[in-house]
Amino acid sequence: MAHSHLTIKKYFRKLKDPRIRRRRKHLLLDMIAITICGVICGCNDWQQIATFGRRRHAWLQRFLHLPNGIPAHDTFERVFDRLNPEAFQTCFHEWMGALHEALGLSQIAIDGKTLRGSGAGGLKALHLVSAWATANSISLGQIAVEEKSNEIPAIPKLLALLDLECALVTIDAMGCQKEIAATIVAGGGDYVLTVKDNQPTLLADIQACFAKAEAQSFVGVEHDSYQTEDCGHGQGLRIKVYPRYCPVFG
């Protein structure tokens, strides 16, 4: 198999099964694979995961053992409730990292979202910061935002889990911080950060940087440029120029 080094089995086999041996009717790796496939296909709860498994049994059996068929939904729930979440996350991140390297995922979007319905029962809604490989629609990892905090401390923790070599990382205005930019550059990546009016000094510095470069026609300014040609709708040649160096972040 060309991509045998990317299999779920390779990266999750070290995950400890929380069940006693005589109660392991279904293989843990089979359950993990069914769950991941089900979530990718849009399943949102354990009932849907089990239904997905039953309906795709013939297909799943092509690469899974399934010695006793598809587990019931409450079996999925019991086993995953008892798994060590940190250990599972480590396995998942290592697997995503391998996929990232093999597929050459060049753009990573960092974004924060509040998990719908997670605030029920008097609990505070769960807010996650996620890394998304835009070209391949793959989630590379996520970190929960701590209570009484915001996304800023969570973003560096998420970046530390990722292979940033030659990647372009995009983050909204919340992540427009010197430390975050430095972390991305140190990891071998580039960044596109959004600046809004809520950071007026930073915005003014960036605008001044561009204005100065433009006033001298970018002479003596290290910069990149690209051009596109559109022959339709009366559009001519477009050329855009960007300074490579901005004194705000370097």
C-alpha atoms as a PDB file:
ATOM      1  CA  MET A   1       0.000   0.000   0.000  1.00  0.00           C
ATOM      2  CA  ALA A   2       1.467   3.344  -1.097  1.00  0.00           C
ATOM      3  CA  HIS A   3       0.404   5.216   2.007  1.00  0.00           C
ATOM      4  CA  SER A   4       0.638   2.478   4.644  1.00  0.00           C
ATOM      5  CA  HIS A   5       2.625   4.873   6.832  1.00  0.00           C
ATOM      6  CA  LEU A   6      -0.487   7.065   7.141  1.00  0.00           C
ATOM      7  CA  THR A   7      -2.871   4.444   8.514  1.00  0.00           C
ATOM      8  CA  ILE A   8      -4.991   4.975  11.616  1.00  0.00           C
ATOM      9  CA  LYS A   9      -3.599   1.698  12.987  1.00  0.00           C
ATOM     10  CA  LYS A  10      -0.032   3.014  12.981  1.00  0.00           C
ATOM     11  CA  TYR A  11      -0.832   6.164  14.962  1.00  0.00           C
ATOM     12  CA  PHE A  12      -3.521   4.872  17.343  1.00  0.00           C
ATOM     13  CA  ARG A  13      -2.172   1.415  18.209  1.00  0.00           C
ATOM     14  CA  LYS A  14      -0.349   2.805  21.259  1.00  0.00           C
ATOM     15  CA  LEU A  15      -3.643   4.155  22.670  1.00  0.00           C
ATOM     16  CA  LYS A  16      -4.547   2.154  25.772  1.00  0.00           C
ATOM     17  CA  ASP A  17      -7.838   0.266  25.643  1.00  0.00           C
ATOM     18  CA  PRO A  18      -9.757   1.139  28.859  1.00  0.00           C
ATOM     19  CA  ARG A  19     -11.734  -2.124  28.877  1.00  0.00           C
ATOM     20  CA  ILE A  20     -10.747  -5.337  30.603  1.00  0.00           C
ATOM     21  CA  ARG A  21      -9.620  -7.946  28.077  1.00  0.00           C
ATOM     22  CA  ARG A  22     -12.590 -10.351  28.414  1.00  0.00           C
ATOM     23  CA  ARG A  23     -15.021  -7.548  27.520  1.00  0.00           C
ATOM     24  CA  ARG A  24     -13.325  -6.497  24.324  1.00  0.00           C
ATOM     25  CA  LYS A  25     -15.949  -7.765  21.904  1.00  0.00           C
ATOM     26  CA  HIS A  26     -15.018  -5.088  19.364  1.00  0.00           C
ATOM     27  CA  LEU A  27     -11.493  -3.970  18.491  1.00  0.00           C
ATOM     28  CA  LEU A  28     -10.575  -0.471  19.681  1.00  0.00           C
ATOM     29  CA  LEU A  29      -8.873   0.426  16.387  1.00  0.00           C
ATOM     30  CA  ASP A  30     -12.014  -0.624  14.483  1.00  0.00           C
ATOM     31  CA  MET A  31     -14.147   1.646  16.677  1.00  0.00           C
ATOM     32  CA  ILE A  32     -11.786   4.580  16.236  1.00  0.00           C
ATOM     33  CA  ALA A  33     -11.742   4.148  12.451  1.00  0.00           C
ATOM     34  CA  ILE A  34     -15.552   3.908  12.242  1.00  0.00           C
ATOM     35  CA  THR A  35     -15.913   7.012  14.396  1.00  0.00           C
ATOM     36  CA  ILE A  36     -13.454   9.085  12.372  1.00  0.00           C
ATOM     37  CA  CYS A  37     -15.068   8.033   9.090  1.00  0.00           C
ATOM     38  CA  GLY A  38     -18.512   8.762  10.509  1.00  0.00           C
ATOM     39  CA  VAL A  39     -17.561  12.237  11.717  1.00  0.00           C
ATOM     40  CA  ILE A  40     -16.000  13.040   8.328  1.00  0.00           C
ATOM     41  CA  CYS A  41     -19.324  12.040   6.743  1.00  0.00           C
ATOM     42  CA  GLY A  42     -21.301  14.360   9.047  1.00  0.00           C
ATOM     43  CA  CYS A  43     -22.308  12.202  12.016  1.00  0.00           C
ATOM     44  CA  ASN A  44     -22.997  14.246  15.158  1.00  0.00           C
ATOM     45  CA  ASP A  45     -23.752  11.659  17.857  1.00  0.00           C
ATOM     46  CA  TRP A  46     -23.166   8.015  18.732  1.00  0.00           C
ATOM     47  CA  GLN A  47     -26.484   6.851  17.290  1.00  0.00           C
ATOM     48  CA  GLN A  48     -25.489   8.296  13.931  1.00  0.00           C
ATOM     49  CA  ILE A  49     -22.013   6.755  14.195  1.00  0.00           C
ATOM     50  CA  ALA A  50     -23.508   3.287  14.785  1.00  0.00           C
ATOM     51  CA  THR A  51     -26.021   3.751  11.958  1.00  0.00           C
ATOM     52  CA  PHE A  52     -23.229   4.861   9.641  1.00  0.00           C
ATOM     53  CA  GLY A  53     -21.251   1.728  10.553  1.00  0.00           C
ATOM     54  CA  ARG A  54     -24.174  -0.608   9.851  1.00  0.00           C
ATOM     55  CA  ARG A  55     -24.984   1.009   6.510  1.00  0.00           C
ATOM     56  CA  ARG A  56     -21.337   0.974   5.407  1.00  0.00           C
ATOM     57  CA  HIS A  57     -20.508  -2.425   6.881  1.00  0.00           C
ATOM     58  CA  ALA A  58     -19.436  -3.984   3.568  1.00  0.00           C
ATOM     59  CA  TRP A  59     -17.144  -1.067   2.770  1.00  0.00           C
ATOM     60  CA  LEU A  60     -15.638  -0.907   6.284  1.00  0.00           C
ATOM     61  CA  GLN A  61     -14.962  -4.634   6.216  1.00  0.00           C
ATOM     62  CA  ARG A  62     -12.552  -4.064   3.320  1.00  0.00           C
ATOM     63  CA  PHE A  63      -9.982  -2.549   5.694  1.00  0.00           C
ATOM     64  CA  LEU A  64     -11.225  -3.332   9.240  1.00  0.00           C
ATOM     65  CA  HIS A  65     -11.491  -6.664  11.098  1.00  0.00           C
ATOM     66  CA  LEU A  66     -14.999  -6.257  12.614  1.00  0.00           C
ATOM     67  CA  PRO A  67     -14.992  -9.718  14.272  1.00  0.00           C
ATOM     68  CA  ASN A  68     -18.416  -9.113  15.845  1.00  0.00           C
ATOM     69  CA  GLY A  69     -19.941  -6.649  13.446  1.00  0.00           C
ATOM     70  CA  ILE A  70     -20.624  -2.994  14.203  1.00  0.00           C
ATOM     71  CA  PRO A  71     -20.787  -1.934  17.880  1.00  0.00           C
ATOM     72  CA  ALA A  72     -23.999  -0.506  19.307  1.00  0.00           C
ATOM     73  CA  HIS A  73     -24.160   3.234  19.924  1.00  0.00           C
ATOM     74  CA  ASP A  74     -23.929   2.829  23.713  1.00  0.00           C
ATOM     75  CA  THR A  75     -20.778   0.713  23.268  1.00  0.00           C
ATOM     76  CA  PHE A  76     -19.159   3.531  21.293  1.00  0.00           C
ATOM     77  CA  GLU A  77     -20.172   5.997  23.985  1.00  0.00           C
ATOM     78  CA  ARG A  78     -18.910   3.912  26.922  1.00  0.00           C
ATOM     79  CA  VAL A  79     -15.529   3.213  25.347  1.00  0.00           C
ATOM     80  CA  PHE A  80     -14.856   6.774  24.204  1.00  0.00           C
ATOM     81  CA  ASP A  81     -15.960   8.166  27.569  1.00  0.00           C
ATOM     82  CA  ARG A  82     -13.243   6.083  29.231  1.00  0.00           C
ATOM     83  CA  LEU A  83     -10.431   6.842  26.783  1.00  0.00           C
ATOM     84  CA  ASN A  84      -7.688   9.162  27.992  1.00  0.00           C
ATOM     85  CA  PRO A  85      -8.492  12.394  26.089  1.00  0.00           C
ATOM     86  CA  GLU A  86      -4.906  13.696  26.161  1.00  0.00           C
ATOM     87  CA  ALA A  87      -3.556  10.401  24.828  1.00  0.00           C
ATOM     88  CA  PHE A  88      -6.188  10.324  22.091  1.00  0.00           C
ATOM     89  CA  GLN A  89      -5.390  13.909  21.144  1.00  0.00           C
ATOM     90  CA  THR A  90      -1.681  13.087  20.903  1.00  0.00           C
ATOM     91  CA  CYS A  91      -2.361  10.170  18.551  1.00  0.00           C
ATOM     92  CA  PHE A  92      -4.721  12.256  16.452  1.00  0.00           C
ATOM     93  CA  HIS A  93      -2.273  15.162  16.168  1.00  0.00           C
ATOM     94  CA  GLU A  94       0.553  12.846  15.115  1.00  0.00           C
ATOM     95  CA  TRP A  95      -1.692  11.310  12.456  1.00  0.00           C
ATOM     96  CA  MET A  96      -2.787  14.728  11.175  1.00  0.00           C
ATOM     97  CA  GLY A  97       0.844  15.851  11.130  1.00  0.00           C
ATOM     98  CA  ALA A  98       1.770  12.878   8.945  1.00  0.00           C
ATOM     99  CA  LEU A  99      -1.109  13.624   6.581  1.00  0.00           C
ATOM    100  CA  HIS A 100      -0.047  17.266   6.505  1.00  0.00           C
ATOM    101  CA  GLU A 101       3.461  16.313   5.435  1.00  0.00           C
ATOM    102  CA  ALA A 102       2.375  13.708   2.883  1.00  0.00           C
ATOM    103  CA  LEU A 103      -0.294  15.837   1.217  1.00  0.00           C
ATOM    104  CA  GLY A 104       1.679  19.071   1.240  1.00  0.00           C
ATOM    105  CA  LEU A 105      -0.956  21.197   2.942  1.00  0.00           C
ATOM    106  CA  SER A 106       0.207  24.751   2.311  1.00  0.00           C
ATOM    107  CA  GLN A 107      -2.471  26.947   3.899  1.00  0.00           C
ATOM    108  CA  ILE A 108      -3.581  26.625   7.498  1.00  0.00           C
ATOM    109  CA  ALA A 109      -6.485  28.717   8.770  1.00  0.00           C
ATOM    110  CA  ILE A 110      -6.677  29.313  12.515  1.00  0.00           C
ATOM    111  CA  ASP A 111     -10.148  30.168  13.753  1.00  0.00           C
ATOM    112  CA  GLY A 112     -12.173  30.112  16.958  1.00  0.00           C
ATOM    113  CA  LYS A 113     -15.705  28.756  17.247  1.00  0.00           C
ATOM    114  CA  THR A 114     -18.126  28.183  20.095  1.00  0.00           C
ATOM    115  CA  LEU A 115     -19.499  24.627  20.093  1.00  0.00           C
ATOM    116  CA  ARG A 116     -23.245  24.835  19.593  1.00  0.00           C
ATOM    117  CA  GLY A 117     -25.267  23.349  22.441  1.00  0.00           C
ATOM    118  CA  SER A 118     -22.243  22.946  24.720  1.00  0.00           C
ATOM    119  CA  GLY A 119     -23.546  25.544  27.182  1.00  0.00           C
ATOM    120  CA  ALA A 120     -26.574  23.542  28.292  1.00  0.00           C
ATOM    121  CA  GLY A 121     -27.231  22.527  31.886  1.00  0.00           C
ATOM    122  CA  GLY A 122     -25.657  25.591  33.441  1.00  0.00           C
ATOM    123  CA  LEU A 123     -22.263  24.880  31.877  1.00  0.00           C
ATOM    124  CA  LYS A 124     -20.298  27.550  30.056  1.00  0.00           C
ATOM    125  CA  ALA A 125     -20.246  27.038  26.295  1.00  0.00           C
ATOM    126  CA  LEU A 126     -17.098  25.326  25.012  1.00  0.00           C
ATOM    127  CA  HIS A 127     -14.980  27.569  22.778  1.00  0.00           C
ATOM    128  CA  LEU A 128     -12.380  25.907  20.566  1.00  0.00           C
ATOM    129  CA  VAL A 129      -9.519  27.248  18.481  1.00  0.00           C
ATOM    130  CA  SER A 130      -8.993  25.020  15.441  1.00  0.00           C
ATOM    131  CA  ALA A 131      -6.409  24.644  12.681  1.00  0.00           C
ATOM    132  CA  TRP A 132      -7.929  23.876   9.284  1.00  0.00           C
ATOM    133  CA  ALA A 133      -6.065  22.816   6.126  1.00  0.00           C
ATOM    134  CA  THR A 134      -8.138  24.783   3.644  1.00  0.00           C
ATOM    135  CA  ALA A 135      -7.128  23.061   0.404  1.00  0.00           C
ATOM    136  CA  ASN A 136      -7.785  19.564   1.752  1.00  0.00           C
ATOM    137  CA  SER A 137     -10.645  20.240   4.215  1.00  0.00           C
ATOM    138  CA  ILE A 138      -8.791  18.553   7.081  1.00  0.00           C
ATOM    139  CA  SER A 139      -8.819  19.618  10.708  1.00  0.00           C
ATOM    140  CA  LEU A 140      -5.222  19.479  11.919  1.00  0.00           C
ATOM    141  CA  GLY A 141      -5.949  20.072  15.598  1.00  0.00           C
ATOM    142  CA  GLN A 142      -7.861  22.083  18.149  1.00  0.00           C
ATOM    143  CA  ILE A 143      -7.403  23.554  21.611  1.00  0.00           C
ATOM    144  CA  ALA A 144     -10.105  24.490  24.115  1.00  0.00           C
ATOM    145  CA  VAL A 145     -10.064  28.092  25.321  1.00  0.00           C
ATOM    146  CA  GLU A 146      -9.764  28.185  29.081  1.00  0.00           C
ATOM    147  CA  GLU A 147     -12.541  29.681  31.163  1.00  0.00           C
ATOM    148  CA  LYS A 148     -12.194  33.443  31.833  1.00  0.00           C
ATOM    149  CA  SER A 149      -9.727  33.685  28.956  1.00  0.00           C
ATOM    150  CA  ASN A 150      -9.747  34.311  25.204  1.00  0.00           C
ATOM    151  CA  GLU A 151      -8.198  32.867  22.040  1.00  0.00           C
ATOM    152  CA  ILE A 152      -4.844  34.651  22.355  1.00  0.00           C
ATOM    153  CA  PRO A 153      -3.212  32.236  24.879  1.00  0.00           C
ATOM    154  CA  ALA A 154      -4.699  29.216  23.085  1.00  0.00           C
ATOM    155  CA  ILE A 155      -3.311  30.006  19.615  1.00  0.00           C
ATOM    156  CA  PRO A 156       0.418  29.479  20.480  1.00  0.00           C
ATOM    157  CA  LYS A 157      -0.468  26.144  22.119  1.00  0.00           C
ATOM    158  CA  LEU A 158      -2.214  25.061  18.928  1.00  0.00           C
ATOM    159  CA  LEU A 159       0.648  26.261  16.723  1.00  0.00           C
ATOM    160  CA  ALA A 160       3.083  24.200  18.810  1.00  0.00           C
ATOM    161  CA  LEU A 161       1.215  21.057  17.721  1.00  0.00           C
ATOM    162  CA  LEU A 162       1.550  21.799  14.000  1.00  0.00           C
ATOM    163  CA  ASP A 163       4.247  21.422  11.390  1.00  0.00           C
ATOM    164  CA  LEU A 164       4.472  24.984  10.050  1.00  0.00           C
ATOM    165  CA  GLU A 165       7.357  24.456   7.636  1.00  0.00           C
ATOM    166  CA  CYS A 166       6.521  26.246   4.340  1.00  0.00           C
ATOM    167  CA  ALA A 167       2.906  26.781   5.482  1.00  0.00           C
ATOM    168  CA  LEU A 168       0.892  29.983   5.160  1.00  0.00           C
ATOM    169  CA  VAL A 169      -1.004  30.566   8.408  1.00  0.00           C
ATOM    170  CA  THR A 170      -4.018  32.873   8.356  1.00  0.00           C
ATOM    171  CA  ILE A 171      -5.590  34.224  11.552  1.00  0.00           C
ATOM    172  CA  ASP A 172      -8.216  36.882  12.200  1.00  0.00           C
ATOM    173  CA  ALA A 173      -7.672  40.070  14.200  1.00  0.00           C
ATOM    174  CA  MET A 174      -7.668  38.256  17.552  1.00  0.00           C
ATOM    175  CA  GLY A 175      -4.411  36.527  16.609  1.00  0.00           C
ATOM    176  CA  CYS A 176      -2.639  39.656  15.413  1.00  0.00           C
ATOM    177  CA  GLN A 177       0.082  39.528  18.085  1.00  0.00           C
ATOM    178  CA  LYS A 178       3.875  39.839  17.860  1.00  0.00           C
ATOM    179  CA  GLU A 179       4.428  36.621  19.801  1.00  0.00           C
ATOM    180  CA  ILE A 180       2.093  34.647  17.520  1.00  0.00           C
ATOM    181  CA  ALA A 181       3.776  36.010  14.389  1.00  0.00           C
ATOM    182  CA  ALA A 182       7.200  35.135  15.834  1.00  0.00           C
ATOM    183  CA  THR A 183       6.048  31.582  16.637  1.00  0.00           C
ATOM    184  CA  ILE A 184       4.909  31.034  13.044  1.00  0.00           C
ATOM    185  CA  VAL A 185       8.168  32.381  11.593  1.00  0.00           C
ATOM    186  CA  ALA A 186      10.231  30.292  14.028  1.00  0.00           C
ATOM    187  CA  GLY A 187       8.351  27.221  12.821  1.00  0.00           C
ATOM    188  CA  GLY A 188       9.334  27.934   9.230  1.00  0.00           C
ATOM    189  CA  GLY A 189       6.005  29.361   8.084  1.00  0.00           C
ATOM    190  CA  ASP A 190       4.581  32.633   6.842  1.00  0.00           C
ATOM    191  CA  TYR A 191       1.528  34.461   8.130  1.00  0.00           C
ATOM    192  CA  VAL A 192      -1.382  36.622   7.047  1.00  0.00           C
ATOM    193  CA  LEU A 193      -2.843  38.443  10.049  1.00  0.00           C
ATOM    194  CA  THR A 194      -5.859  40.732  10.041  1.00  0.00           C
ATOM    195  CA  VAL A 195      -5.511  44.196  11.569  1.00  0.00           C
ATOM    196  CA  LYS A 196      -8.587  46.177  12.535  1.00  0.00           C
ATOM    197  CA  ASP A 197      -9.346  49.577  14.018  1.00  0.00           C
ATOM    198  CA  ASN A 198      -9.252  48.119  17.534  1.00  0.00           C
ATOM    199  CA  GLN A 199      -5.437  48.260  17.207  1.00  0.00           C
ATOM    200  CA  PRO A 200      -5.095  51.848  15.931  1.00  0.00           C
ATOM    201  CA  THR A 201      -1.353  52.250  16.562  1.00  0.00           C
ATOM    202  CA  LEU A 202      -0.499  48.991  14.817  1.00  0.00           C
ATOM    203  CA  LEU A 203      -2.812  49.830  11.920  1.00  0.00           C
ATOM    204  CA  ALA A 204      -1.226  53.270  11.522  1.00  0.00           C
ATOM    205  CA  ASP A 205       2.296  51.773  11.547  1.00  0.00           C
ATOM    206  CA  ILE A 206       1.417  49.278   8.813  1.00  0.00           C
ATOM    207  CA  GLN A 207      -0.272  51.922   6.696  1.00  0.00           C
ATOM    208  CA  ALA A 208       2.785  54.167   7.090  1.00  0.00           C
ATOM    209  CA  CYS A 209       5.058  51.304   6.042  1.00  0.00           C
ATOM    210  CA  PHE A 210       3.112  50.804   2.819  1.00  0.00           C
ATOM    211  CA  ALA A 211       2.776  54.538   2.160  1.00  0.00           C
ATOM    212  CA  LYS A 212       6.538  55.066   2.483  1.00  0.00           C
ATOM    213  CA  ALA A 213       7.345  52.147   0.184  1.00  0.00           C
ATOM    214  CA  GLU A 214       4.828  53.302  -2.381  1.00  0.00           C
ATOM    215  CA  ALA A 215       6.097  56.905  -2.288  1.00  0.00           C
ATOM    216  CA  GLN A 216       9.573  55.736  -3.328  1.00  0.00           C
ATOM    217  CA  SER A 217       8.191  53.218  -5.856  1.00  0.00           C
ATOM    218  CA  PHE A 218       9.497  50.408  -3.659  1.00  0.00           C
ATOM    219  CA  VAL A 219      13.090  51.357  -4.471  1.00  0.00           C
ATOM    220  CA  GLY A 220      15.343  49.996  -1.740  1.00  0.00           C
ATOM    221  CA  VAL A 221      12.428  48.050  -0.213  1.00  0.00           C
ATOM    222  CA  GLU A 222      12.594  44.264  -0.217  1.00  0.00           C
ATOM    223  CA  HIS A 223       9.257  43.164  -1.619  1.00  0.00           C
ATOM    224  CA  ASP A 224       7.324  40.510  -3.508  1.00  0.00           C
ATOM    225  CA  SER A 225       4.988  40.995  -6.438  1.00  0.00           C
ATOM    226  CA  TYR A 226       2.674  38.939  -8.579  1.00  0.00           C
ATOM    227  CA  GLN A 227       0.529  39.621 -11.590  1.00  0.00           C
ATOM    228  CA  THR A 228      -2.628  38.177 -13.103  1.00  0.00           C
ATOM    229  CA  GLU A 229      -4.132  38.742 -16.514  1.00  0.00           C
ATOM    230  CA  ASP A 230      -7.873  38.731 -17.073  1.00  0.00           C
ATOM    231  CA  CYS A 231      -9.005  39.139 -20.664  1.00  0.00           C
ATOM    232  CA  GLY A 232     -12.715  39.212 -19.937  1.00  0.00           C
ATOM    233  CA  HIS A 233     -15.089  42.014 -18.944  1.00  0.00           C
ATOM    234  CA  GLY A 234     -12.682  44.718 -20.061  1.00  0.00           C
ATOM    235  CA  GLN A 235     -10.154  43.874 -17.352  1.00  0.00           C
ATOM    236  CA  GLY A 236      -6.495  44.455 -18.174  1.00  0.00           C
ATOM    237  CA  LEU A 237      -3.268  43.477 -16.478  1.00  0.00           C
ATOM    238  CA  ARG A 238      -3.233  43.661 -12.674  1.00  0.00           C
ATOM    239  CA  ILE A 239      -0.033  43.928 -10.678  1.00  0.00           C
ATOM    240  CA  LYS A 240       0.124  43.891  -6.887  1.00  0.00           C
ATOM    241  CA  VAL A 241       3.252  44.621  -4.862  1.00  0.00           C
ATOM    242  CA  TYR A 242       3.820  43.811  -1.181  1.00  0.00           C
ATOM    243  CA  PRO A 243       6.744  44.784   1.049  1.00  0.00           C
ATOM    244  CA  ARG A 244       8.529  41.752   2.446  1.00  0.00           C
ATOM    245  CA  TYR A 245       9.574  43.599   5.560  1.00  0.00           C
ATOM    246  CA  CYS A 246       7.311  45.527   7.895  1.00  0.00           C
ATOM    247  CA  PRO A 247       8.900  47.023  11.034  1.00  0.00           C
ATOM    248  CA  VAL A 248       5.875  46.048  13.120  1.00  0.00           C
ATOM    249  CA  PHE A 249       6.541  42.287  13.026  1.00  0.00           C
ATOM    250  CA  GLY A 250       9.690  41.914  10.902  1.00  0.00           C
END
